């Protein structure tokens, strides 16, 4: 049965994983976000008590 011969399929598997692990992550990591997140201010909001109308 020729499909059990690992010679061509193992090389295809190895080369495809090399591509997945080297080329694709570098392409993904090269993208930058258009808006960098701004740091939040550390001041607390001023809250006032609210009286219920009943």
C-alpha atoms as a PDB file:
ATOM      1  CA  UNK A   1       0.000   0.000   0.000  1.00  0.00           C
ATOM      2  CA  UNK A   2       1.792   3.163  -1.145  1.00  0.00           C
ATOM      3  CA  UNK A   3       0.076   5.522   1.294  1.00  0.00           C
ATOM      4  CA  UNK A   4       1.995   3.885   4.145  1.00  0.00           C
ATOM      5  CA  UNK A   5       5.340   4.892   2.644  1.00  0.00           C
ATOM      6  CA  UNK A   6       6.513   7.748   4.922  1.00  0.00           C
ATOM      7  CA  UNK A   7       9.176   9.111   2.568  1.00  0.00           C
ATOM      8  CA  UNK A   8       7.307  11.911   0.764  1.00  0.00           C
ATOM      9  CA  UNK A   9       4.703  12.570   3.457  1.00  0.00           C
ATOM     10  CA  UNK A  10       7.129  12.995   6.328  1.00  0.00           C
ATOM     11  CA  UNK A  11       9.113  15.598   4.375  1.00  0.00           C
ATOM     12  CA  UNK A  12       5.896  17.464   3.529  1.00  0.00           C
ATOM     13  CA  UNK A  13       4.889  17.380   7.208  1.00  0.00           C
ATOM     14  CA  UNK A  14       8.259  18.682   8.379  1.00  0.00           C
ATOM     15  CA  UNK A  15       8.444  21.472   5.796  1.00  0.00           C
ATOM     16  CA  UNK A  16       4.888  22.583   6.458  1.00  0.00           C
ATOM     17  CA  UNK A  17       5.589  22.807  10.219  1.00  0.00           C
ATOM     18  CA  UNK A  18       8.766  24.743   9.524  1.00  0.00           C
ATOM     19  CA  UNK A  19       6.705  27.212   7.510  1.00  0.00           C
ATOM     20  CA  UNK A  20       4.024  27.402  10.209  1.00  0.00           C
ATOM     21  CA  UNK A  21       6.548  27.980  12.984  1.00  0.00           C
ATOM     22  CA  UNK A  22       8.855  30.472  11.252  1.00  0.00           C
ATOM     23  CA  UNK A  23       7.161  32.403   8.475  1.00  0.00           C
ATOM     24  CA  UNK A  24       3.609  32.825   9.722  1.00  0.00           C
ATOM     25  CA  UNK A  25       4.383  34.058  13.304  1.00  0.00           C
ATOM     26  CA  UNK A  26       6.788  36.679  11.960  1.00  0.00           C
ATOM     27  CA  UNK A  27       4.125  37.951   9.570  1.00  0.00           C
ATOM     28  CA  UNK A  28       1.535  38.098  12.351  1.00  0.00           C
ATOM     29  CA  UNK A  29       3.854  39.782  14.860  1.00  0.00           C
ATOM     30  CA  UNK A  30       4.914  42.430  12.352  1.00  0.00           C
ATOM     31  CA  UNK A  31       1.435  43.978  12.417  1.00  0.00           C
ATOM     32  CA  UNK A  32       0.955  46.840  14.844  1.00  0.00           C
ATOM     33  CA  UNK A  33      -2.220  48.181  16.336  1.00  0.00           C
ATOM     34  CA  UNK A  34      -3.311  51.515  14.819  1.00  0.00           C
ATOM     35  CA  UNK A  35      -4.057  53.097  18.205  1.00  0.00           C
ATOM     36  CA  UNK A  36      -1.755  52.342  21.077  1.00  0.00           C
ATOM     37  CA  UNK A  37      -3.635  52.038  24.367  1.00  0.00           C
ATOM     38  CA  UNK A  38      -3.426  55.161  26.497  1.00  0.00           C
ATOM     39  CA  UNK A  39      -2.751  54.788  30.223  1.00  0.00           C
ATOM     40  CA  UNK A  40      -5.753  55.389  32.427  1.00  0.00           C
ATOM     41  CA  UNK A  41      -5.664  58.217  34.944  1.00  0.00           C
ATOM     42  CA  UNK A  42      -5.390  57.083  38.525  1.00  0.00           C
ATOM     43  CA  UNK A  43      -7.628  59.743  40.038  1.00  0.00           C
ATOM     44  CA  UNK A  44     -10.831  58.449  41.558  1.00  0.00           C
ATOM     45  CA  UNK A  45     -14.188  59.672  40.392  1.00  0.00           C
ATOM     46  CA  UNK A  46     -15.950  62.029  42.744  1.00  0.00           C
ATOM     47  CA  UNK A  47     -19.195  60.423  43.757  1.00  0.00           C
ATOM     48  CA  UNK A  48     -21.993  62.163  45.552  1.00  0.00           C
ATOM     49  CA  UNK A  49     -24.762  60.501  47.551  1.00  0.00           C
ATOM     50  CA  UNK A  50     -28.127  60.457  45.839  1.00  0.00           C
ATOM     51  CA  UNK A  51     -31.322  60.730  47.871  1.00  0.00           C
ATOM     52  CA  UNK A  52     -34.169  58.565  46.683  1.00  0.00           C
ATOM     53  CA  UNK A  53     -37.409  60.511  46.161  1.00  0.00           C
ATOM     54  CA  UNK A  54     -39.628  58.288  48.339  1.00  0.00           C
END
